[in-house]
Structures are given as structure tokens and as C-alpha cells.
Amino acid sequence: MTVMTIPSGTYAMFAHKCQVEKIGLTMKYIYGSWLPKSGMRLRDAPELEIYDQRFRPGSEDSEVDIYIPVA
């Protein structure tokens, strides 16, 4: 485990609602479709994925939040 301080700033949040094995499809949408059309750009900060009580491995009802640093 690594401890780090995350810089404050703006993040675009996306909810991946499907099996975690299909998260690549959500990432492809974020970076290949949403980001180019949004008028925003990536900033130099970590991307975050939040796995909380909604995360159920292998389940189609599983949810993961993805935070992309934007400016």
C-alpha cells in the first residue's frame, strides 16, 4: 500500500455499472469519446477508482466510480 496526498482540483466522475472485467469499455468511452468531445483536457493528477459497497465481483449489478482529473 502507498499513502499519498491527492492534489485538489476538478475531476470528472463516471460510474461503471457492469462487471469489473468490462471496465476497459468504460475507459475506452471516457478517453476515446467523452474527453475529446468535452472541451476539457487531462491535468497532471492521479486517476482514481473507488470500490465501495456497490462493488460486487463478477456481478452485472456491480458499480465502480472512476474519477478523471480534468481542467
C-alpha atoms as a PDB file:
ATOM      1  CA  MET A   1       0.000   0.000   0.000  1.00  0.00           C
ATOM      2  CA  THR A   2       1.147   3.508  -0.745  1.00  0.00           C
ATOM      3  CA  VAL A   3      -0.005   6.635   1.072  1.00  0.00           C
ATOM      4  CA  MET A   4      -0.145   9.817  -0.952  1.00  0.00           C
ATOM      5  CA  THR A   5      -1.770  13.230  -0.865  1.00  0.00           C
ATOM      6  CA  ILE A   6      -4.050  13.869  -3.826  1.00  0.00           C
ATOM      7  CA  PRO A   7      -3.913  17.459  -5.106  1.00  0.00           C
ATOM      8  CA  SER A   8      -7.199  19.329  -5.132  1.00  0.00           C
ATOM      9  CA  GLY A   9      -8.763  20.100  -8.470  1.00  0.00           C
ATOM     10  CA  THR A  10     -11.582  19.217 -10.806  1.00  0.00           C
ATOM     11  CA  TYR A  11     -12.434  15.606 -11.540  1.00  0.00           C
ATOM     12  CA  ALA A  12     -14.963  14.192 -13.991  1.00  0.00           C
ATOM     13  CA  MET A  13     -16.749  11.246 -12.356  1.00  0.00           C
ATOM     14  CA  PHE A  14     -18.051   8.213 -14.237  1.00  0.00           C
ATOM     15  CA  ALA A  15     -19.965   5.267 -12.807  1.00  0.00           C
ATOM     16  CA  HIS A  16     -19.025   1.916 -14.335  1.00  0.00           C
ATOM     17  CA  LYS A  17     -22.153  -0.237 -13.884  1.00  0.00           C
ATOM     18  CA  CYS A  18     -21.256  -3.719 -15.056  1.00  0.00           C
ATOM     19  CA  GLN A  19     -18.799  -6.496 -14.330  1.00  0.00           C
ATOM     20  CA  VAL A  20     -15.394  -5.085 -13.448  1.00  0.00           C
ATOM     21  CA  GLU A  21     -13.897  -7.246 -16.205  1.00  0.00           C
ATOM     22  CA  LYS A  22     -15.606  -4.889 -18.677  1.00  0.00           C
ATOM     23  CA  ILE A  23     -14.146  -1.689 -17.187  1.00  0.00           C
ATOM     24  CA  GLY A  24     -11.968  -1.344 -20.286  1.00  0.00           C
ATOM     25  CA  LEU A  25     -15.094  -0.465 -22.285  1.00  0.00           C
ATOM     26  CA  THR A  26     -15.873   2.388 -19.897  1.00  0.00           C
ATOM     27  CA  MET A  27     -12.279   3.634 -20.092  1.00  0.00           C
ATOM     28  CA  LYS A  28     -12.414   3.477 -23.896  1.00  0.00           C
ATOM     29  CA  TYR A  29     -15.572   5.634 -23.819  1.00  0.00           C
ATOM     30  CA  ILE A  30     -14.072   8.140 -21.362  1.00  0.00           C
ATOM     31  CA  TYR A  31     -10.813   8.676 -23.238  1.00  0.00           C
ATOM     32  CA  GLY A  32     -11.967   7.919 -26.782  1.00  0.00           C
ATOM     33  CA  SER A  33     -15.326   9.667 -26.863  1.00  0.00           C
ATOM     34  CA  TRP A  34     -16.243  11.765 -23.839  1.00  0.00           C
ATOM     35  CA  LEU A  35     -12.915  13.559 -23.255  1.00  0.00           C
ATOM     36  CA  PRO A  36     -12.330  14.667 -26.882  1.00  0.00           C
ATOM     37  CA  LYS A  37     -15.920  15.977 -27.117  1.00  0.00           C
ATOM     38  CA  SER A  38     -15.994  17.621 -23.675  1.00  0.00           C
ATOM     39  CA  GLY A  39     -13.629  20.501 -24.419  1.00  0.00           C
ATOM     40  CA  MET A  40     -11.711  19.567 -21.275  1.00  0.00           C
ATOM     41  CA  ARG A  41      -8.168  18.285 -21.063  1.00  0.00           C
ATOM     42  CA  LEU A  42      -6.401  15.944 -18.694  1.00  0.00           C
ATOM     43  CA  ARG A  43      -4.380  17.529 -15.936  1.00  0.00           C
ATOM     44  CA  ASP A  44      -1.382  16.055 -14.171  1.00  0.00           C
ATOM     45  CA  ALA A  45      -3.007  14.275 -11.234  1.00  0.00           C
ATOM     46  CA  PRO A  46      -3.882  10.669 -10.399  1.00  0.00           C
ATOM     47  CA  GLU A  47      -6.897   8.928 -11.874  1.00  0.00           C
ATOM     48  CA  LEU A  48      -8.963   7.354  -9.093  1.00  0.00           C
ATOM     49  CA  GLU A  49     -11.198   4.297  -8.932  1.00  0.00           C
ATOM     50  CA  ILE A  50     -13.490   3.922  -5.921  1.00  0.00           C
ATOM     51  CA  TYR A  51     -14.587   0.414  -4.956  1.00  0.00           C
ATOM     52  CA  ASP A  52     -17.193   0.623  -2.199  1.00  0.00           C
ATOM     53  CA  GLN A  53     -20.174  -1.455  -1.028  1.00  0.00           C
ATOM     54  CA  ARG A  54     -21.683  -1.296  -4.547  1.00  0.00           C
ATOM     55  CA  PHE A  55     -18.758  -3.323  -5.927  1.00  0.00           C
ATOM     56  CA  ARG A  56     -19.680  -6.984  -6.401  1.00  0.00           C
ATOM     57  CA  PRO A  57     -17.042  -9.004  -8.273  1.00  0.00           C
ATOM     58  CA  GLY A  58     -18.492 -10.906 -11.228  1.00  0.00           C
ATOM     59  CA  SER A  59     -21.941  -9.295 -10.947  1.00  0.00           C
ATOM     60  CA  GLU A  60     -23.647  -7.351 -13.748  1.00  0.00           C
ATOM     61  CA  ASP A  61     -25.012  -5.089 -10.956  1.00  0.00           C
ATOM     62  CA  SER A  62     -21.540  -4.121  -9.748  1.00  0.00           C
ATOM     63  CA  GLU A  63     -20.573  -0.424  -9.659  1.00  0.00           C
ATOM     64  CA  VAL A  64     -17.194   1.322  -9.576  1.00  0.00           C
ATOM     65  CA  ASP A  65     -16.691   5.106  -9.652  1.00  0.00           C
ATOM     66  CA  ILE A  66     -13.916   6.420 -11.884  1.00  0.00           C
ATOM     67  CA  TYR A  67     -12.517   9.926 -11.366  1.00  0.00           C
ATOM     68  CA  ILE A  68     -10.526  11.557 -14.176  1.00  0.00           C
ATOM     69  CA  PRO A  69      -8.525  14.734 -13.404  1.00  0.00           C
ATOM     70  CA  VAL A  70      -9.553  17.467 -15.846  1.00  0.00           C
ATOM     71  CA  ALA A  71      -9.070  21.175 -16.409  1.00  0.00           C
END
